[in-house]
Protein backbone atom coordinates (compact mmCIF):
# COMPACT_ATOMS: atom_id res chain seq x y z
CA MET A 1 8.91 124.51 -22.37
CA LYS A 2 6.27 121.82 -21.75
CA ILE A 3 7.21 120.12 -25.00
CA LEU A 4 10.84 119.98 -23.87
CA LYS A 5 9.78 118.33 -20.60
CA TYR A 6 7.71 115.74 -22.49
CA PHE A 7 10.63 114.91 -24.76
CA LEU A 8 12.88 114.56 -21.73
CA ILE A 9 10.43 112.19 -20.02
CA ILE A 10 10.03 110.15 -23.22
CA PHE A 11 13.81 109.99 -23.65
CA ILE A 12 14.31 108.75 -20.08
CA PHE A 13 11.67 106.05 -20.43
CA LEU A 14 12.91 104.92 -23.83
CA ASN A 15 16.56 104.94 -22.83
CA SER A 16 16.19 102.87 -19.62
CA PRO A 17 14.85 99.67 -21.22
CA ILE A 18 17.45 99.94 -23.97
CA LYS A 19 20.25 100.03 -21.39
CA ALA A 20 18.68 97.14 -19.47
CA ASP A 21 18.39 95.12 -22.70
CA SER A 22 21.98 95.96 -23.55
CA ASN A 23 23.17 94.78 -20.11
CA GLU A 24 21.13 91.61 -20.45
CA ALA A 25 22.68 90.89 -23.86
CA LEU A 26 26.13 91.57 -22.43
CA ILE A 27 25.52 89.25 -19.47
CA ASN A 28 24.27 86.50 -21.81
CA GLU A 29 27.38 86.91 -23.96
CA LEU A 30 29.66 86.69 -20.91
CA GLN A 31 27.83 83.63 -19.60
CA LYS A 32 28.68 81.82 -22.85
CA GLY A 33 32.39 82.12 -21.98
CA GLY A 34 35.36 82.57 -24.27
CA LYS A 35 35.69 86.33 -23.75
CA LEU A 36 38.64 88.52 -22.94
CA ILE A 37 37.52 90.87 -20.17
CA PHE A 38 39.65 93.94 -19.60
CA ILE A 39 39.03 96.00 -16.48
CA ARG A 40 40.69 99.34 -15.98
CA HIS A 41 41.67 99.53 -12.32
CA ALA A 42 39.06 101.13 -10.07
CA TYR A 43 39.09 104.81 -9.23
CA ALA A 44 42.46 106.13 -8.05
CA PRO A 45 42.42 109.95 -7.95
CA GLY A 46 44.92 111.78 -10.12
CA GLY A 47 46.80 110.70 -13.21
CA GLY A 48 49.99 108.75 -13.73
CA ASP A 49 52.26 108.14 -10.75
CA PRO A 50 54.45 110.42 -8.66
CA PRO A 51 58.04 110.86 -9.86
CA ASN A 52 60.38 108.21 -8.45
CA PHE A 53 57.57 105.80 -7.60
CA ASP A 54 58.45 102.15 -7.07
CA ILE A 55 56.06 99.42 -8.27
CA ASN A 56 57.12 97.33 -5.28
CA ILE A 57 56.16 99.99 -2.73
CA CYS A 58 52.47 100.89 -2.78
CA GLU A 59 52.96 104.04 -0.70
CA THR A 60 54.94 105.58 -3.58
CA GLN A 61 52.17 105.04 -6.15
CA ARG A 62 48.79 106.51 -7.00
CA ASN A 63 46.36 104.17 -5.23
CA LEU A 64 42.66 103.48 -4.86
CA ASN A 65 40.72 105.65 -2.46
CA ASP A 66 37.55 104.60 -0.63
CA GLU A 67 35.44 105.25 -3.74
CA GLY A 68 37.76 103.02 -5.76
CA ARG A 69 37.44 100.25 -3.17
CA VAL A 70 33.64 100.47 -3.31
CA GLN A 71 33.84 100.36 -7.11
CA SER A 72 36.07 97.27 -6.93
CA LYS A 73 33.50 95.51 -4.77
CA LYS A 74 30.77 96.41 -7.29
CA ILE A 75 32.88 94.98 -10.10
CA GLY A 76 33.19 91.66 -8.28
CA ASN A 77 29.49 91.69 -7.41
CA PHE A 78 28.59 92.15 -11.08
CA PHE A 79 30.29 88.86 -11.97
CA LYS A 80 28.96 86.98 -8.91
CA THR A 81 25.38 88.23 -9.19
CA ASN A 82 25.20 87.35 -12.88
CA ASN A 83 26.86 83.91 -12.51
CA ILE A 84 29.61 84.76 -14.96
CA SER A 85 32.27 82.08 -14.88
CA ILE A 86 35.89 83.24 -14.93
CA ASN A 87 38.78 80.89 -15.57
CA LYS A 88 41.67 83.15 -14.54
CA ILE A 89 42.20 86.68 -13.31
CA TYR A 90 45.41 88.48 -14.17
CA SER A 91 46.56 91.85 -12.89
CA SER A 92 49.21 94.43 -13.59
CA GLU A 93 51.93 94.60 -10.94
CA TRP A 94 50.83 98.14 -9.98
CA CYS A 95 49.20 98.30 -6.55
CA ARG A 96 45.97 99.95 -7.75
CA CYS A 97 45.38 97.05 -10.16
CA LYS A 98 46.27 94.39 -7.60
CA GLU A 99 43.98 96.00 -5.03
CA THR A 100 41.13 96.15 -7.57
CA ALA A 101 41.63 92.44 -8.36
CA GLU A 102 41.94 91.48 -4.69
CA ILE A 103 38.75 93.26 -3.63
CA ALA A 104 36.74 92.16 -6.67
CA PHE A 105 37.90 88.57 -7.08
CA LYS A 106 40.21 87.57 -4.18
CA LYS A 107 42.51 85.33 -6.28
CA PHE A 108 44.65 86.65 -9.13
CA GLU A 109 48.10 86.40 -10.71
CA THR A 110 50.24 89.29 -11.85
CA LYS A 111 51.55 89.56 -15.41
CA ASN A 112 54.06 92.24 -16.35
CA PHE A 113 52.60 92.57 -19.86
CA LEU A 114 49.62 94.26 -18.14
CA ASN A 115 51.81 96.93 -16.50
CA SER A 116 51.43 100.58 -17.33
CA PHE A 117 53.82 102.14 -19.82
CA PHE A 118 52.45 105.65 -19.29
CA SER A 119 55.49 107.08 -17.49
CA ALA A 120 58.76 107.75 -19.30
CA LYS A 121 60.38 105.21 -16.96
CA PHE A 122 58.31 102.36 -18.49
CA SER A 123 57.39 103.67 -21.97
CA LYS A 124 60.19 101.62 -23.58
CA ASN A 125 58.30 98.43 -22.52
CA ARG A 126 55.21 99.10 -24.69
CA LYS A 127 56.16 97.05 -27.77
CA LYS A 128 57.47 94.09 -25.77
CA GLN A 129 54.35 94.05 -23.58
CA VAL A 130 52.08 93.97 -26.64
CA ILE A 131 54.12 91.13 -28.15
CA ASP A 132 54.07 89.22 -24.84
CA PHE A 133 50.31 89.72 -24.52
CA LYS A 134 49.71 88.36 -28.02
CA LYS A 135 51.93 85.34 -27.25
CA PHE A 136 49.84 84.77 -24.13
CA LEU A 137 46.66 84.82 -26.24
CA LYS A 138 47.99 82.07 -28.50
CA ASN A 139 47.96 79.72 -25.48
CA TRP A 140 44.55 80.84 -24.18
CA ASP A 141 41.98 78.00 -24.34
CA GLN A 142 39.28 80.33 -25.77
CA LYS A 143 36.50 78.37 -24.07
CA GLN A 144 36.48 80.23 -20.77
CA ASN A 145 36.46 83.88 -19.81
CA VAL A 146 39.68 85.49 -18.65
CA ILE A 147 40.01 88.83 -16.85
CA PHE A 148 42.83 91.36 -17.18
CA VAL A 149 42.93 94.13 -14.56
CA THR A 150 45.15 96.76 -16.12
CA HIS A 151 45.60 100.39 -17.10
CA TYR A 152 44.13 102.92 -19.51
CA VAL A 153 47.23 102.87 -21.75
CA VAL A 154 47.26 99.08 -22.07
CA ILE A 155 43.55 98.82 -22.92
CA SER A 156 43.84 101.74 -25.30
CA GLU A 157 46.86 100.17 -27.04
CA LEU A 158 45.37 96.67 -27.36
CA LEU A 159 41.73 97.52 -28.08
CA ASN A 160 41.86 101.08 -29.41
CA TYR A 161 39.35 102.01 -26.70
CA ALA A 162 39.58 104.65 -23.96
CA PRO A 163 38.14 103.19 -20.73
CA SER A 164 37.01 105.02 -17.60
CA SER A 165 38.19 103.97 -14.15
CA GLY A 166 36.62 100.62 -13.26
CA GLU A 167 35.14 100.16 -16.72
CA ILE A 168 34.75 96.61 -18.04
CA VAL A 169 35.64 96.15 -21.71
CA ILE A 170 34.78 92.82 -23.33
CA SER A 171 36.52 91.64 -26.49
CA ASP A 172 36.79 88.55 -28.60
CA LYS A 173 40.03 86.65 -29.30
CA ASN A 174 40.83 89.06 -32.14
CA LEU A 175 40.77 92.00 -29.69
CA LYS A 176 37.58 93.38 -31.23
CA VAL A 177 35.49 95.17 -28.61
CA ILE A 178 32.13 93.46 -28.15
CA ASP A 179 30.68 95.69 -25.44
CA THR A 180 31.55 97.77 -22.40
CA LEU A 181 30.07 98.33 -18.98
CA GLU A 182 30.82 101.25 -16.70
CA ILE A 183 30.71 100.45 -13.00
CA GLU A 184 30.11 103.59 -10.95
CA TYR A 185 31.88 104.28 -7.72
């Protein structure tokens, strides 16, 4: 039993500097610019949206709770604290994404190619959204960072990666994941 405790202590001490080094490398990479930064909206309890929701009426959607709002603030603080320059911030038209962007960054624009296509009501939009996103990338200046606050299904479709709520996923212009960072709520 004592040996198990020693291994646990060694693992904790070895793992902490590795994570710190990884975060430092990630921050350095982001400070260079030219990255696509995908953020899954902050914590909004549940999954999907209620039947008959309306993307123009927040009260009909699944929204952030207080934990999600705290997480959104932490997301914004990560970029401010680490002096990571952002050219533009784009959000899905869903209220939970817009609220995440508003709390974290204040200024943002909505883009419908970032909208969820999880529900049957919007699933037919998936292919067009992917095409529209790739057209958008062709006009991206590639020198500055750009943020996309969006949904699990969009990030999963574009990057083949399954993000947690509030997770930051960094990719290059070819949509190859460089690194990720989970922001706790």
